[in-house]
C-alpha atoms as a PDB file:
ATOM      1  CA  MET A   1     -19.918   5.302 -22.213  1.00  0.00           C
ATOM      2  CA  SER A   2     -21.597   8.110 -20.407  1.00  0.00           C
ATOM      3  CA  LEU A   3     -20.599  11.581 -19.327  1.00  0.00           C
ATOM      4  CA  SER A   4     -19.977  12.040 -15.639  1.00  0.00           C
ATOM      5  CA  LYS A   5     -20.761  15.261 -13.758  1.00  0.00           C
ATOM      6  CA  GLY A   6     -17.355  16.687 -14.598  1.00  0.00           C
ATOM      7  CA  GLY A   7     -17.963  16.227 -18.320  1.00  0.00           C
ATOM      8  CA  HIS A   8     -15.489  13.356 -18.590  1.00  0.00           C
ATOM      9  CA  MET A   9     -16.194  10.045 -20.190  1.00  0.00           C
ATOM     10  CA  SER A  10     -16.434   7.193 -17.706  1.00  0.00           C
ATOM     11  CA  LYS A  11     -16.195   3.502 -18.467  1.00  0.00           C
ATOM     12  CA  ARG A  12     -18.622   1.117 -16.860  1.00  0.00           C
ATOM     13  CA  LYS A  13     -17.400  -2.293 -15.919  1.00  0.00           C
ATOM     14  CA  THR A  14     -19.804  -5.065 -16.679  1.00  0.00           C
ATOM     15  CA  ALA A  15     -19.980  -7.966 -14.291  1.00  0.00           C
ATOM     16  CA  ARG A  16     -19.175 -11.347 -15.787  1.00  0.00           C
ATOM     17  CA  VAL A  17     -22.012 -13.777 -15.431  1.00  0.00           C
ATOM     18  CA  ARG A  18     -21.023 -17.331 -14.622  1.00  0.00           C
ATOM     19  CA  ARG A  19     -22.995 -19.721 -16.774  1.00  0.00           C
ATOM     20  CA  THR A  20     -24.386 -22.865 -15.213  1.00  0.00           C
ATOM     21  CA  PHE A  21     -25.370 -25.987 -17.060  1.00  0.00           C
ATOM     22  CA  THR A  22     -27.903 -28.610 -16.078  1.00  0.00           C
ATOM     23  CA  PRO A  23     -26.810 -32.220 -15.647  1.00  0.00           C
ATOM     24  CA  GLN A  24     -29.028 -33.098 -18.643  1.00  0.00           C
ATOM     25  CA  PHE A  25     -27.232 -30.535 -20.851  1.00  0.00           C
ATOM     26  CA  LYS A  26     -23.888 -32.041 -19.823  1.00  0.00           C
ATOM     27  CA  LYS A  27     -25.076 -35.572 -20.568  1.00  0.00           C
ATOM     28  CA  ASP A  28     -26.438 -34.504 -23.956  1.00  0.00           C
ATOM     29  CA  ALA A  29     -23.159 -32.754 -24.819  1.00  0.00           C
ATOM     30  CA  LEU A  30     -21.182 -35.843 -23.836  1.00  0.00           C
ATOM     31  CA  GLY A  31     -23.588 -37.965 -25.856  1.00  0.00           C
ATOM     32  CA  LEU A  32     -22.577 -35.999 -28.943  1.00  0.00           C
ATOM     33  CA  VAL A  33     -18.911 -36.652 -28.175  1.00  0.00           C
ATOM     34  CA  ASN A  34     -19.545 -40.341 -27.539  1.00  0.00           C
ATOM     35  CA  GLY A  35     -21.468 -40.449 -30.807  1.00  0.00           C
ATOM     36  CA  GLY A  36     -18.270 -39.801 -32.720  1.00  0.00           C
ATOM     37  CA  ARG A  37     -17.974 -36.017 -32.881  1.00  0.00           C
ATOM     38  CA  SER A  38     -14.810 -34.356 -31.616  1.00  0.00           C
ATOM     39  CA  VAL A  39     -14.713 -32.502 -28.306  1.00  0.00           C
ATOM     40  CA  THR A  40     -13.586 -29.358 -30.131  1.00  0.00           C
ATOM     41  CA  GLU A  41     -16.445 -29.529 -32.637  1.00  0.00           C
ATOM     42  CA  VAL A  42     -19.124 -30.122 -29.989  1.00  0.00           C
ATOM     43  CA  ALA A  43     -17.765 -27.361 -27.744  1.00  0.00           C
ATOM     44  CA  ARG A  44     -17.731 -24.889 -30.638  1.00  0.00           C
ATOM     45  CA  ASP A  45     -21.267 -25.816 -31.717  1.00  0.00           C
ATOM     46  CA  LEU A  46     -22.601 -25.465 -28.159  1.00  0.00           C
ATOM     47  CA  GLY A  47     -20.699 -22.251 -27.459  1.00  0.00           C
ATOM     48  CA  ILE A  48     -18.765 -23.616 -24.497  1.00  0.00           C
ATOM     49  CA  ALA A  49     -15.071 -23.908 -23.737  1.00  0.00           C
ATOM     50  CA  ARG A  50     -13.351 -27.027 -25.017  1.00  0.00           C
ATOM     51  CA  SER A  51     -11.633 -27.468 -21.653  1.00  0.00           C
ATOM     52  CA  LEU A  52     -15.011 -27.431 -19.892  1.00  0.00           C
ATOM     53  CA  LEU A  53     -16.381 -30.186 -22.107  1.00  0.00           C
ATOM     54  CA  GLN A  54     -13.148 -32.151 -21.656  1.00  0.00           C
ATOM     55  CA  ARG A  55     -13.510 -31.834 -17.865  1.00  0.00           C
ATOM     56  CA  TRP A  56     -17.096 -33.127 -18.034  1.00  0.00           C
ATOM     57  CA  LYS A  57     -15.886 -36.051 -20.135  1.00  0.00           C
ATOM     58  CA  GLU A  58     -13.171 -36.922 -17.613  1.00  0.00           C
ATOM     59  CA  GLN A  59     -15.656 -36.690 -14.752  1.00  0.00           C
ATOM     60  CA  MET A  60     -18.098 -38.941 -16.562  1.00  0.00           C
ATOM     61  CA  GLU A  61     -15.350 -41.515 -17.202  1.00  0.00           C
ATOM     62  CA  GLY A  62     -15.061 -42.098 -13.474  1.00  0.00           C
ATOM     63  CA  ARG A  63     -12.518 -39.555 -12.362  1.00  0.00           C
ATOM     64  CA  GLY A  64     -14.783 -37.489 -10.161  1.00  0.00           C
ATOM     65  CA  GLY A  65     -18.332 -38.751 -10.427  1.00  0.00           C
ATOM     66  CA  GLU A  66     -21.197 -36.941 -12.066  1.00  0.00           C
ATOM     67  CA  PRO A  67     -20.291 -33.809 -14.043  1.00  0.00           C
ATOM     68  CA  GLY A  68     -20.975 -30.755 -11.944  1.00  0.00           C
ATOM     69  CA  SER A  69     -21.366 -32.730  -8.735  1.00  0.00           C
ATOM     70  CA  GLY A  70     -18.635 -30.683  -7.069  1.00  0.00           C
ATOM     71  CA  LYS A  71     -16.816 -33.830  -6.017  1.00  0.00           C
ATOM     72  CA  PRO A  72     -13.036 -33.586  -6.279  1.00  0.00           C
ATOM     73  CA  THR A  73     -11.359 -35.873  -8.724  1.00  0.00           C
ATOM     74  CA  THR A  74      -9.745 -38.897  -7.146  1.00  0.00           C
ATOM     75  CA  GLY A  75      -7.479 -41.489  -8.608  1.00  0.00           C
ATOM     76  CA  THR A  76      -4.137 -43.124  -8.444  1.00  0.00           C
ATOM     77  CA  ASP A  77      -0.930 -41.308  -9.199  1.00  0.00           C
ATOM     78  CA  ALA A  78      -0.660 -43.096 -12.540  1.00  0.00           C
ATOM     79  CA  GLU A  79      -4.139 -41.930 -13.545  1.00  0.00           C
ATOM     80  CA  ASP A  80      -3.308 -38.400 -12.453  1.00  0.00           C
ATOM     81  CA  VAL A  81      -0.104 -38.391 -14.496  1.00  0.00           C
ATOM     82  CA  ARG A  82      -1.964 -39.740 -17.530  1.00  0.00           C
ATOM     83  CA  ALA A  83      -4.672 -37.086 -17.186  1.00  0.00           C
ATOM     84  CA  LEU A  84      -2.079 -34.337 -16.784  1.00  0.00           C
ATOM     85  CA  ARG A  85      -0.168 -35.519 -19.846  1.00  0.00           C
ATOM     86  CA  GLN A  86      -3.389 -35.493 -21.871  1.00  0.00           C
ATOM     87  CA  LYS A  87      -4.212 -32.004 -20.600  1.00  0.00           C
ATOM     88  CA  LEU A  88      -0.689 -30.850 -21.518  1.00  0.00           C
ATOM     89  CA  ARG A  89      -1.128 -32.259 -25.051  1.00  0.00           C
ATOM     90  CA  ASP A  90      -4.470 -30.452 -25.382  1.00  0.00           C
ATOM     91  CA  VAL A  91      -3.122 -27.141 -24.120  1.00  0.00           C
ATOM     92  CA  THR A  92      -0.007 -27.421 -26.294  1.00  0.00           C
ATOM     93  CA  GLU A  93      -2.186 -28.089 -29.332  1.00  0.00           C
ATOM     94  CA  GLU A  94      -4.379 -25.079 -28.523  1.00  0.00           C
ATOM     95  CA  ARG A  95      -1.291 -22.891 -28.079  1.00  0.00           C
ATOM     96  CA  ASP A  96       0.155 -24.012 -31.401  1.00  0.00           C
ATOM     97  CA  ILE A  97      -3.116 -23.236 -33.169  1.00  0.00           C
ATOM     98  CA  LEU A  98      -3.175 -19.768 -31.625  1.00  0.00           C
ATOM     99  CA  LYS A  99       0.442 -19.164 -32.643  1.00  0.00           C
ATOM    100  CA  LYS A 100      -0.361 -20.089 -36.245  1.00  0.00           C
ATOM    101  CA  ALA A 101      -3.414 -17.843 -36.218  1.00  0.00           C
ATOM    102  CA  LEU A 102      -1.379 -14.962 -34.822  1.00  0.00           C
ATOM    103  CA  ALA A 103       1.278 -15.413 -37.511  1.00  0.00           C
ATOM    104  CA  TYR A 104      -1.397 -15.609 -40.208  1.00  0.00           C
ATOM    105  CA  PHE A 105      -3.130 -12.425 -39.111  1.00  0.00           C
ATOM    106  CA  ALA A 106       0.178 -10.604 -38.562  1.00  0.00           C
ATOM    107  CA  ASP A 107       1.153 -11.399 -42.185  1.00  0.00           C
ATOM    108  CA  ASP A 108      -2.308 -10.341 -43.330  1.00  0.00           C
ATOM    109  CA  GLN A 109      -1.789  -6.866 -41.807  1.00  0.00           C
ATOM    110  CA  LYS A 110       1.279  -6.178 -43.973  1.00  0.00           C
END
């Protein structure tokens, strides 16, 4: 923080930088997943969001072409429903983990 002319503290907002990944990085990351490691483990080790790696995996499996190609996902309604159900399971699991962590740290504060 820095002092402005009036002697008050001012907060500077930092711009968020959008990270971009090369197609080779995406293929290598998916290679780790296809080699038997979990999506969560690979994402954590690479410092990327689990949902991002999951999206690359879905794109590579034929629901949208090459990862990062910018092509919209296409598929039948049944495939869309299946993908949405899987996404719901993933998000529900993440939420439950966060709830448990919140309860753990709330108890730890007492």
